[in-house]
Every structure is written in C-alpha cells, then in structure tokens.
C-alpha cells in the first residue's frame, strides 16, 4: 500500500490578540454575564410545559381505562343478548323506583 504525503504550507502569521480559553473552562463568570432572570423564566416555562404534558398523559390514560371498561361491559351485554337471555344488563338498585 502506498501512502502519498500531501504537504501543506503552514501559516506563520500570529493572531492579533492572544487566544484565551472560554470562561466555561474554569474562569469565574461575572454576574453581569449571567442573565438569571431569563434563565429563571425559561426554567419556569419548562416546568409548566412538563406539568402540562404530564397532565395530558394522565388524562389520556384515565380516558383509555374508562373506554376499555365501557367496551367490556358493552361486549358482555351484546354477547348475553345474542345468546337469547332477557336480563343481561346489571341494574343498579339505587336507580330503581321505590316499592
């Protein structure tokens, strides 16, 4: 296998000012550089969005469980009616008229 070297001219030019590492690498960040009010607002907004998403998921789960329960009851009633029985639906005695 042959390796062909590519020679590149290196620039010997110096930077106009010395290069300093970013502040995140250990230097102190002055309070003027920080925008705490904006950060707090973003945190509050994110928490509100997370709460709204959580509530939406809970509502979807509750509605899903309720729908499955109703479909099961409907399915049992239809199977009972198809087999020829007359009294298929369980009545709640609280809703019956008094004797």
PDB file of N, CA and C in Angstrom:
ATOM      1  N   UNK A   1       0.854  -1.164   0.000  1.00  0.00           N
ATOM      2  CA  UNK A   1       0.000   0.000   0.000  1.00  0.00           C
ATOM      3  C   UNK A   1       0.904   1.232   0.000  1.00  0.00           C
ATOM      4  N   UNK A   2       0.634   2.144  -0.885  1.00  0.00           N
ATOM      5  CA  UNK A   2       1.428   3.365  -0.991  1.00  0.00           C
ATOM      6  C   UNK A   2       0.686   4.521  -0.338  1.00  0.00           C
ATOM      7  N   UNK A   3       1.375   5.263   0.489  1.00  0.00           N
ATOM      8  CA  UNK A   3       0.815   6.439   1.126  1.00  0.00           C
ATOM      9  C   UNK A   3       1.452   7.659   0.495  1.00  0.00           C
ATOM     10  N   UNK A   4       0.625   8.526  -0.024  1.00  0.00           N
ATOM     11  CA  UNK A   4       1.138   9.729  -0.674  1.00  0.00           C
ATOM     12  C   UNK A   4       1.021  10.886   0.313  1.00  0.00           C
ATOM     13  N   UNK A   5       2.090  11.465   0.731  1.00  0.00           N
ATOM     14  CA  UNK A   5       2.013  12.601   1.657  1.00  0.00           C
ATOM     15  C   UNK A   5       1.625  13.875   0.907  1.00  0.00           C
ATOM     16  N   UNK A   6       0.755  14.646   1.503  1.00  0.00           N
ATOM     17  CA  UNK A   6       0.361  15.939   0.953  1.00  0.00           C
ATOM     18  C   UNK A   6       0.971  17.006   1.831  1.00  0.00           C
ATOM     19  N   UNK A   7       1.824  17.788   1.270  1.00  0.00           N
ATOM     20  CA  UNK A   7       2.476  18.858   2.005  1.00  0.00           C
ATOM     21  C   UNK A   7       1.587  20.088   1.964  1.00  0.00           C
ATOM     22  N   UNK A   8       1.486  20.728   3.106  1.00  0.00           N
ATOM     23  CA  UNK A   8       0.650  21.920   3.194  1.00  0.00           C
ATOM     24  C   UNK A   8       1.503  23.036   3.760  1.00  0.00           C
ATOM     25  N   UNK A   9       1.351  24.173   3.179  1.00  0.00           N
ATOM     26  CA  UNK A   9       2.086  25.327   3.686  1.00  0.00           C
ATOM     27  C   UNK A   9       1.454  25.763   4.998  1.00  0.00           C
ATOM     28  N   UNK A  10       2.265  25.872   6.027  1.00  0.00           N
ATOM     29  CA  UNK A  10       1.772  26.320   7.322  1.00  0.00           C
ATOM     30  C   UNK A  10       1.891  27.824   7.404  1.00  0.00           C
ATOM     31  N   UNK A  11       0.877  28.395   7.983  1.00  0.00           N
ATOM     32  CA  UNK A  11       0.873  29.841   8.149  1.00  0.00           C
ATOM     33  C   UNK A  11       1.704  30.200   9.383  1.00  0.00           C
ATOM     34  N   UNK A  12       2.584  31.169   9.224  1.00  0.00           N
ATOM     35  CA  UNK A  12       3.409  31.617  10.348  1.00  0.00           C
ATOM     36  C   UNK A  12       2.880  32.926  10.906  1.00  0.00           C
ATOM     37  N   UNK A  13       1.692  33.262  10.528  1.00  0.00           N
ATOM     38  CA  UNK A  13       1.088  34.510  10.954  1.00  0.00           C
ATOM     39  C   UNK A  13       0.628  34.381  12.396  1.00  0.00           C
ATOM     40  N   UNK A  14       0.811  35.370  13.202  1.00  0.00           N
ATOM     41  CA  UNK A  14       0.395  35.388  14.597  1.00  0.00           C
ATOM     42  C   UNK A  14      -0.990  36.012  14.704  1.00  0.00           C
ATOM     43  N   UNK A  15      -1.701  35.632  15.748  1.00  0.00           N
ATOM     44  CA  UNK A  15      -3.012  36.217  15.992  1.00  0.00           C
ATOM     45  C   UNK A  15      -2.854  37.669  16.443  1.00  0.00           C
ATOM     46  N   UNK A  16      -3.861  38.479  16.156  1.00  0.00           N
ATOM     47  CA  UNK A  16      -3.797  39.895  16.525  1.00  0.00           C
ATOM     48  C   UNK A  16      -3.805  40.054  18.045  1.00  0.00           C
ATOM     49  N   UNK A  17      -4.523  39.228  18.736  1.00  0.00           N
ATOM     50  CA  UNK A  17      -4.535  39.261  20.200  1.00  0.00           C
ATOM     51  C   UNK A  17      -4.399  37.826  20.696  1.00  0.00           C
ATOM     52  N   UNK A  18      -3.934  37.646  21.892  1.00  0.00           N
ATOM     53  CA  UNK A  18      -3.739  36.277  22.370  1.00  0.00           C
ATOM     54  C   UNK A  18      -5.076  35.548  22.521  1.00  0.00           C
ATOM     55  N   UNK A  19      -5.041  34.256  22.268  1.00  0.00           N
ATOM     56  CA  UNK A  19      -6.237  33.428  22.360  1.00  0.00           C
ATOM     57  C   UNK A  19      -6.433  33.024  23.814  1.00  0.00           C
ATOM     58  N   UNK A  20      -7.622  33.274  24.332  1.00  0.00           N
ATOM     59  CA  UNK A  20      -7.940  32.921  25.713  1.00  0.00           C
ATOM     60  C   UNK A  20      -8.966  31.797  25.702  1.00  0.00           C
ATOM     61  N   UNK A  21      -8.856  30.879  26.641  1.00  0.00           N
ATOM     62  CA  UNK A  21      -9.850  29.804  26.695  1.00  0.00           C
ATOM     63  C   UNK A  21     -11.209  30.353  27.109  1.00  0.00           C
ATOM     64  N   UNK A  22     -12.276  29.688  26.717  1.00  0.00           N
ATOM     65  CA  UNK A  22     -13.603  30.158  27.104  1.00  0.00           C
ATOM     66  C   UNK A  22     -13.781  30.121  28.622  1.00  0.00           C
ATOM     67  N   UNK A  23     -14.712  30.916  29.093  1.00  0.00           N
ATOM     68  CA  UNK A  23     -14.945  31.034  30.529  1.00  0.00           C
ATOM     69  C   UNK A  23     -15.460  29.740  31.131  1.00  0.00           C
ATOM     70  N   UNK A  24     -16.055  28.887  30.337  1.00  0.00           N
ATOM     71  CA  UNK A  24     -16.620  27.644  30.856  1.00  0.00           C
ATOM     72  C   UNK A  24     -15.540  26.658  31.287  1.00  0.00           C
ATOM     73  N   UNK A  25     -14.309  26.925  30.923  1.00  0.00           N
ATOM     74  CA  UNK A  25     -13.239  26.001  31.259  1.00  0.00           C
ATOM     75  C   UNK A  25     -12.580  26.306  32.595  1.00  0.00           C
ATOM     76  N   UNK A  26     -13.172  27.122  33.397  1.00  0.00           N
ATOM     77  CA  UNK A  26     -12.638  27.307  34.736  1.00  0.00           C
ATOM     78  C   UNK A  26     -12.582  28.732  35.218  1.00  0.00           C
ATOM     79  N   UNK A  27     -12.732  29.682  34.355  1.00  0.00           N
ATOM     80  CA  UNK A  27     -12.685  31.068  34.802  1.00  0.00           C
ATOM     81  C   UNK A  27     -14.005  31.430  35.480  1.00  0.00           C
ATOM     82  N   UNK A  28     -13.955  32.390  36.342  1.00  0.00           N
ATOM     83  CA  UNK A  28     -15.163  32.857  37.023  1.00  0.00           C
ATOM     84  C   UNK A  28     -16.041  33.627  36.056  1.00  0.00           C
ATOM     85  N   UNK A  29     -17.331  33.423  36.173  1.00  0.00           N
ATOM     86  CA  UNK A  29     -18.284  34.144  35.338  1.00  0.00           C
ATOM     87  C   UNK A  29     -18.833  35.279  36.168  1.00  0.00           C
ATOM     88  N   UNK A  30     -18.724  36.452  35.642  1.00  0.00           N
ATOM     89  CA  UNK A  30     -19.207  37.609  36.393  1.00  0.00           C
ATOM     90  C   UNK A  30     -20.728  37.645  36.369  1.00  0.00           C
ATOM     91  N   UNK A  31     -21.344  38.204  37.414  1.00  0.00           N
ATOM     92  CA  UNK A  31     -22.813  38.260  37.453  1.00  0.00           C
ATOM     93  C   UNK A  31     -23.403  39.067  36.310  1.00  0.00           C
ATOM     94  N   UNK A  32     -22.631  39.992  35.767  1.00  0.00           N
ATOM     95  CA  UNK A  32     -23.150  40.780  34.649  1.00  0.00           C
ATOM     96  C   UNK A  32     -23.323  39.912  33.412  1.00  0.00           C
ATOM     97  N   UNK A  33     -22.487  38.873  33.286  1.00  0.00           N
ATOM     98  CA  UNK A  33     -22.582  37.993  32.126  1.00  0.00           C
ATOM     99  C   UNK A  33     -23.784  37.057  32.212  1.00  0.00           C
ATOM    100  N   UNK A  34     -24.184  36.763  33.413  1.00  0.00           N
ATOM    101  CA  UNK A  34     -25.312  35.849  33.589  1.00  0.00           C
ATOM    102  C   UNK A  34     -26.636  36.593  33.469  1.00  0.00           C
ATOM    103  N   UNK A  35     -27.563  35.962  32.836  1.00  0.00           N
ATOM    104  CA  UNK A  35     -28.911  36.529  32.744  1.00  0.00           C
ATOM    105  C   UNK A  35     -29.818  35.647  33.595  1.00  0.00           C
ATOM    106  N   UNK A  36     -29.782  35.848  34.893  1.00  0.00           N
ATOM    107  CA  UNK A  36     -30.518  34.958  35.793  1.00  0.00           C
ATOM    108  C   UNK A  36     -32.024  35.074  35.606  1.00  0.00           C
ATOM    109  N   UNK A  37     -32.491  36.270  35.340  1.00  0.00           N
ATOM    110  CA  UNK A  37     -33.942  36.408  35.183  1.00  0.00           C
ATOM    111  C   UNK A  37     -34.426  35.643  33.953  1.00  0.00           C
ATOM    112  N   UNK A  38     -33.652  35.666  32.882  1.00  0.00           N
ATOM    113  CA  UNK A  38     -34.040  34.914  31.687  1.00  0.00           C
ATOM    114  C   UNK A  38     -33.963  33.415  31.946  1.00  0.00           C
ATOM    115  N   UNK A  39     -32.924  32.995  32.671  1.00  0.00           N
ATOM    116  CA  UNK A  39     -32.793  31.573  32.993  1.00  0.00           C
ATOM    117  C   UNK A  39     -33.936  31.109  33.882  1.00  0.00           C
ATOM    118  N   UNK A  40     -34.290  31.932  34.871  1.00  0.00           N
ATOM    119  CA  UNK A  40     -35.396  31.572  35.750  1.00  0.00           C
ATOM    120  C   UNK A  40     -36.702  31.495  34.974  1.00  0.00           C
ATOM    121  N   UNK A  41     -36.902  32.439  34.058  1.00  0.00           N
ATOM    122  CA  UNK A  41     -38.126  32.427  33.246  1.00  0.00           C
ATOM    123  C   UNK A  41     -38.173  31.175  32.387  1.00  0.00           C
ATOM    124  N   UNK A  42     -37.043  30.800  31.774  1.00  0.00           N
ATOM    125  CA  UNK A  42     -37.003  29.594  30.944  1.00  0.00           C
ATOM    126  C   UNK A  42     -37.251  28.342  31.786  1.00  0.00           C
ATOM    127  N   UNK A  43     -36.696  28.306  33.006  1.00  0.00           N
ATOM    128  CA  UNK A  43     -36.924  27.155  33.879  1.00  0.00           C
ATOM    129  C   UNK A  43     -38.391  27.045  34.263  1.00  0.00           C
ATOM    130  N   UNK A  44     -38.998  28.180  34.618  1.00  0.00           N
ATOM    131  CA  UNK A  44     -40.425  28.163  34.969  1.00  0.00           C
ATOM    132  C   UNK A  44     -41.266  27.718  33.791  1.00  0.00           C
ATOM    133  N   UNK A  45     -40.939  28.227  32.610  1.00  0.00           N
ATOM    134  CA  UNK A  45     -41.689  27.876  31.407  1.00  0.00           C
ATOM    135  C   UNK A  45     -41.556  26.374  31.109  1.00  0.00           C
ATOM    136  N   UNK A  46     -40.343  25.855  31.254  1.00  0.00           N
ATOM    137  CA  UNK A  46     -40.109  24.434  31.005  1.00  0.00           C
ATOM    138  C   UNK A  46     -40.873  23.574  32.006  1.00  0.00           C
ATOM    139  N   UNK A  47     -40.894  24.005  33.275  1.00  0.00           N
ATOM    140  CA  UNK A  47     -41.636  23.247  34.290  1.00  0.00           C
ATOM    141  C   UNK A  47     -43.133  23.267  33.992  1.00  0.00           C
ATOM    142  N   UNK A  48     -43.652  24.402  33.541  1.00  0.00           N
ATOM    143  CA  UNK A  48     -45.071  24.479  33.183  1.00  0.00           C
ATOM    144  C   UNK A  48     -45.384  23.545  32.009  1.00  0.00           C
ATOM    145  N   UNK A  49     -44.493  23.511  31.028  1.00  0.00           N
ATOM    146  CA  UNK A  49     -44.711  22.629  29.886  1.00  0.00           C
ATOM    147  C   UNK A  49     -44.642  21.165  30.302  1.00  0.00           C
ATOM    148  N   UNK A  50     -43.715  20.834  31.197  1.00  0.00           N
ATOM    149  CA  UNK A  50     -43.622  19.454  31.688  1.00  0.00           C
ATOM    150  C   UNK A  50     -44.876  19.070  32.459  1.00  0.00           C
ATOM    151  N   UNK A  51     -45.388  19.970  33.287  1.00  0.00           N
ATOM    152  CA  UNK A  51     -46.611  19.699  34.047  1.00  0.00           C
ATOM    153  C   UNK A  51     -47.799  19.510  33.108  1.00  0.00           C
ATOM    154  N   UNK A  52     -47.896  20.354  32.090  1.00  0.00           N
ATOM    155  CA  UNK A  52     -48.998  20.227  31.129  1.00  0.00           C
ATOM    156  C   UNK A  52     -48.915  18.895  30.384  1.00  0.00           C
ATOM    157  N   UNK A  53     -47.719  18.485  29.988  1.00  0.00           N
ATOM    158  CA  UNK A  53     -47.560  17.206  29.298  1.00  0.00           C
ATOM    159  C   UNK A  53     -47.911  16.045  30.218  1.00  0.00           C
ATOM    160  N   UNK A  54     -47.502  16.123  31.484  1.00  0.00           N
ATOM    161  CA  UNK A  54     -47.831  15.077  32.456  1.00  0.00           C
ATOM    162  C   UNK A  54     -49.338  14.970  32.648  1.00  0.00           C
ATOM    163  N   UNK A  55     -50.021  16.113  32.802  1.00  0.00           N
ATOM    164  CA  UNK A  55     -51.474  16.095  32.979  1.00  0.00           C
ATOM    165  C   UNK A  55     -52.175  15.533  31.741  1.00  0.00           C
ATOM    166  N   UNK A  56     -51.673  15.851  30.566  1.00  0.00           N
ATOM    167  CA  UNK A  56     -52.261  15.318  29.341  1.00  0.00           C
ATOM    168  C   UNK A  56     -52.127  13.800  29.295  1.00  0.00           C
ATOM    169  N   UNK A  57     -50.966  13.282  29.676  1.00  0.00           N
ATOM    170  CA  UNK A  57     -50.759  11.831  29.686  1.00  0.00           C
ATOM    171  C   UNK A  57     -51.686  11.166  30.698  1.00  0.00           C
ATOM    172  N   UNK A  58     -51.847  11.774  31.882  1.00  0.00           N
ATOM    173  CA  UNK A  58     -52.736  11.209  32.899  1.00  0.00           C
ATOM    174  C   UNK A  58     -54.176  11.193  32.396  1.00  0.00           C
ATOM    175  N   UNK A  59     -54.617  12.281  31.779  1.00  0.00           N
ATOM    176  CA  UNK A  59     -55.989  12.342  31.253  1.00  0.00           C
ATOM    177  C   UNK A  59     -56.185  11.284  30.170  1.00  0.00           C
ATOM    178  N   UNK A  60     -55.205  11.127  29.283  1.00  0.00           N
ATOM    179  CA  UNK A  60     -55.327  10.107  28.241  1.00  0.00           C
ATOM    180  C   UNK A  60     -55.393   8.702  28.823  1.00  0.00           C
ATOM    181  N   UNK A  61     -54.607   8.441  29.859  1.00  0.00           N
ATOM    182  CA  UNK A  61     -54.659   7.127  30.499  1.00  0.00           C
ATOM    183  C   UNK A  61     -56.007   6.874  31.162  1.00  0.00           C
ATOM    184  N   UNK A  62     -56.538   7.872  31.870  1.00  0.00           N
ATOM    185  CA  UNK A  62     -57.825   7.701  32.546  1.00  0.00           C
ATOM    186  C   UNK A  62     -58.939   7.493  31.526  1.00  0.00           C
ATOM    187  N   UNK A  63     -58.939   8.274  30.472  1.00  0.00           N
ATOM    188  CA  UNK A  63     -59.967   8.115  29.431  1.00  0.00           C
ATOM    189  C   UNK A  63     -59.828   6.752  28.758  1.00  0.00           C
ATOM    190  N   UNK A  64     -58.605   6.301  28.532  1.00  0.00           N
ATOM    191  CA  UNK A  64     -58.392   4.993  27.921  1.00  0.00           C
ATOM    192  C   UNK A  64     -58.907   3.860  28.792  1.00  0.00           C
ATOM    193  N   UNK A  65     -58.633   3.925  30.095  1.00  0.00           N
ATOM    194  CA  UNK A  65     -59.123   2.888  31.016  1.00  0.00           C
ATOM    195  C   UNK A  65     -60.647   2.909  31.061  1.00  0.00           C
ATOM    196  N   UNK A  66     -61.247   4.096  31.098  1.00  0.00           N
ATOM    197  CA  UNK A  66     -62.711   4.198  31.131  1.00  0.00           C
ATOM    198  C   UNK A  66     -63.311   3.615  29.847  1.00  0.00           C
ATOM    199  N   UNK A  67     -62.709   3.925  28.694  1.00  0.00           N
ATOM    200  CA  UNK A  67     -63.236   3.412  27.430  1.00  0.00           C
ATOM    201  C   UNK A  67     -63.133   1.886  27.358  1.00  0.00           C
ATOM    202  N   UNK A  68     -62.036   1.327  27.834  1.00  0.00           N
ATOM    203  CA  UNK A  68     -61.887  -0.130  27.824  1.00  0.00           C
ATOM    204  C   UNK A  68     -62.933  -0.782  28.721  1.00  0.00           C
ATOM    205  N   UNK A  69     -63.194  -0.183  29.881  1.00  0.00           N
ATOM    206  CA  UNK A  69     -64.213  -0.715  30.784  1.00  0.00           C
ATOM    207  C   UNK A  69     -65.595  -0.674  30.140  1.00  0.00           C
ATOM    208  N   UNK A  70     -65.929   0.428  29.507  1.00  0.00           N
ATOM    209  CA  UNK A  70     -67.233   0.543  28.846  1.00  0.00           C
ATOM    210  C   UNK A  70     -67.354  -0.446  27.686  1.00  0.00           C
ATOM    211  N   UNK A  71     -66.275  -0.625  26.935  1.00  0.00           N
ATOM    212  CA  UNK A  71     -66.316  -1.577  25.819  1.00  0.00           C
ATOM    213  C   UNK A  71     -66.478  -3.012  26.309  1.00  0.00           C
ATOM    214  N   UNK A  72     -65.862  -3.326  27.438  1.00  0.00           N
ATOM    215  CA  UNK A  72     -66.039  -4.668  28.007  1.00  0.00           C
ATOM    216  C   UNK A  72     -67.493  -4.882  28.423  1.00  0.00           C
ATOM    217  N   UNK A  73     -68.086  -3.897  29.102  1.00  0.00           N
ATOM    218  CA  UNK A  73     -69.481  -4.014  29.536  1.00  0.00           C
ATOM    219  C   UNK A  73     -70.407  -4.144  28.323  1.00  0.00           C
ATOM    220  N   UNK A  74     -70.159  -3.357  27.305  1.00  0.00           N
ATOM    221  CA  UNK A  74     -70.971  -3.417  26.094  1.00  0.00           C
ATOM    222  C   UNK A  74     -70.833  -4.783  25.429  1.00  0.00           C
ATOM    223  N   UNK A  75     -69.609  -5.294  25.383  1.00  0.00           N
ATOM    224  CA  UNK A  75     -69.371  -6.589  24.765  1.00  0.00           C
ATOM    225  C   UNK A  75     -70.098  -7.709  25.524  1.00  0.00           C
ATOM    226  N   UNK A  76     -70.045  -7.655  26.868  1.00  0.00           N
ATOM    227  CA  UNK A  76     -70.754  -8.665  27.672  1.00  0.00           C
ATOM    228  C   UNK A  76     -72.257  -8.587  27.438  1.00  0.00           C
ATOM    229  N   UNK A  77     -72.802  -7.373  27.372  1.00  0.00           N
ATOM    230  CA  UNK A  77     -74.238  -7.209  27.158  1.00  0.00           C
ATOM    231  C   UNK A  77     -74.643  -7.731  25.777  1.00  0.00           C
ATOM    232  N   UNK A  78     -73.850  -7.440  24.761  1.00  0.00           N
ATOM    233  CA  UNK A  78     -74.177  -7.909  23.412  1.00  0.00           C
ATOM    234  C   UNK A  78     -74.093  -9.438  23.324  1.00  0.00           C
ATOM    235  N   UNK A  79     -73.084 -10.037  23.975  1.00  0.00           N
ATOM    236  CA  UNK A  79     -72.968 -11.498  23.957  1.00  0.00           C
ATOM    237  C   UNK A  79     -74.156 -12.126  24.677  1.00  0.00           C
ATOM    238  N   UNK A  80     -74.603 -11.509  25.751  1.00  0.00           N
ATOM    239  CA  UNK A  80     -75.755 -12.025  26.501  1.00  0.00           C
ATOM    240  C   UNK A  80     -77.022 -11.944  25.644  1.00  0.00           C
ATOM    241  N   UNK A  81     -77.217 -10.801  24.974  1.00  0.00           N
ATOM    242  CA  UNK A  81     -78.396 -10.639  24.125  1.00  0.00           C
ATOM    243  C   UNK A  81     -78.368 -11.602  22.939  1.00  0.00           C
ATOM    244  N   UNK A  82     -77.211 -11.821  22.357  1.00  0.00           N
ATOM    245  CA  UNK A  82     -77.105 -12.731  21.219  1.00  0.00           C
ATOM    246  C   UNK A  82     -77.392 -14.179  21.608  1.00  0.00           C
ATOM    247  N   UNK A  83     -77.130 -14.502  22.873  1.00  0.00           N
ATOM    248  CA  UNK A  83     -77.389 -15.883  23.297  1.00  0.00           C
ATOM    249  C   UNK A  83     -78.852 -16.079  23.691  1.00  0.00           C
ATOM    250  N   UNK A  84     -79.662 -15.031  23.673  1.00  0.00           N
ATOM    251  CA  UNK A  84     -81.097 -15.167  23.884  1.00  0.00           C
ATOM    252  C   UNK A  84     -81.575 -14.876  25.293  1.00  0.00           C
ATOM    253  N   UNK A  85     -80.738 -14.406  26.159  1.00  0.00           N
ATOM    254  CA  UNK A  85     -81.165 -14.073  27.520  1.00  0.00           C
ATOM    255  C   UNK A  85     -81.893 -12.740  27.525  1.00  0.00           C
ATOM    256  N   UNK A  86     -82.779 -12.573  28.534  1.00  0.00           N
ATOM    257  CA  UNK A  86     -83.553 -11.340  28.605  1.00  0.00           C
ATOM    258  C   UNK A  86     -82.957 -10.306  29.547  1.00  0.00           C
ATOM    259  N   UNK A  87     -82.433 -10.744  30.654  1.00  0.00           N
ATOM    260  CA  UNK A  87     -81.951  -9.813  31.672  1.00  0.00           C
ATOM    261  C   UNK A  87     -80.418  -9.792  31.650  1.00  0.00           C
ATOM    262  N   UNK A  88     -79.869  -9.059  30.717  1.00  0.00           N
ATOM    263  CA  UNK A  88     -78.420  -9.077  30.505  1.00  0.00           C
ATOM    264  C   UNK A  88     -77.693  -7.935  31.209  1.00  0.00           C
ATOM    265  N   UNK A  89     -78.354  -6.837  31.367  1.00  0.00           N
ATOM    266  CA  UNK A  89     -77.695  -5.667  31.942  1.00  0.00           C
ATOM    267  C   UNK A  89     -77.925  -5.661  33.442  1.00  0.00           C
ATOM    268  N   UNK A  90     -76.838  -5.497  34.192  1.00  0.00           N
ATOM    269  CA  UNK A  90     -76.950  -5.432  35.650  1.00  0.00           C
ATOM    270  C   UNK A  90     -77.488  -4.053  36.018  1.00  0.00           C
ATOM    271  N   UNK A  91     -78.602  -4.058  36.742  1.00  0.00           N
ATOM    272  CA  UNK A  91     -79.212  -2.792  37.143  1.00  0.00           C
ATOM    273  C   UNK A  91     -78.692  -2.362  38.509  1.00  0.00           C
ATOM    274  N   UNK A  92     -78.506  -1.076  38.658  1.00  0.00           N
ATOM    275  CA  UNK A  92     -78.081  -0.522  39.934  1.00  0.00           C
ATOM    276  C   UNK A  92     -79.341  -0.306  40.775  1.00  0.00           C
ATOM    277  N   UNK A  93     -79.460  -0.927  41.947  1.00  0.00           N
ATOM    278  CA  UNK A  93     -80.693  -0.806  42.735  1.00  0.00           C
ATOM    279  C   UNK A  93     -80.965   0.621  43.211  1.00  0.00           C
ATOM    280  N   UNK A  94     -79.991   1.482  43.181  1.00  0.00           N
ATOM    281  CA  UNK A  94     -80.242   2.863  43.599  1.00  0.00           C
ATOM    282  C   UNK A  94     -81.137   3.594  42.618  1.00  0.00           C
ATOM    283  N   UNK A  95     -81.181   3.126  41.370  1.00  0.00           N
ATOM    284  CA  UNK A  95     -81.969   3.798  40.367  1.00  0.00           C
ATOM    285  C   UNK A  95     -83.347   3.185  40.164  1.00  0.00           C
ATOM    286  N   UNK A  96     -83.665   2.129  40.887  1.00  0.00           N
ATOM    287  CA  UNK A  96     -84.972   1.509  40.771  1.00  0.00           C
ATOM    288  C   UNK A  96     -85.987   2.306  41.570  1.00  0.00           C
ATOM    289  N   UNK A  97     -87.241   2.346  41.096  1.00  0.00           N
ATOM    290  CA  UNK A  97     -88.279   3.063  41.843  1.00  0.00           C
ATOM    291  C   UNK A  97     -88.586   2.341  43.160  1.00  0.00           C
ATOM    292  N   UNK A  98     -88.966   3.092  44.167  1.00  0.00           N
ATOM    293  CA  UNK A  98     -89.300   2.503  45.475  1.00  0.00           C
ATOM    294  C   UNK A  98     -90.581   1.725  45.419  1.00  0.00           C
ATOM    295  N   UNK A  99     -90.709   0.657  46.251  1.00  0.00           N
ATOM    296  CA  UNK A  99     -91.918  -0.179  46.232  1.00  0.00           C
ATOM    297  C   UNK A  99     -92.807   0.144  47.380  1.00  0.00           C
TER     298      UNK A  99
END
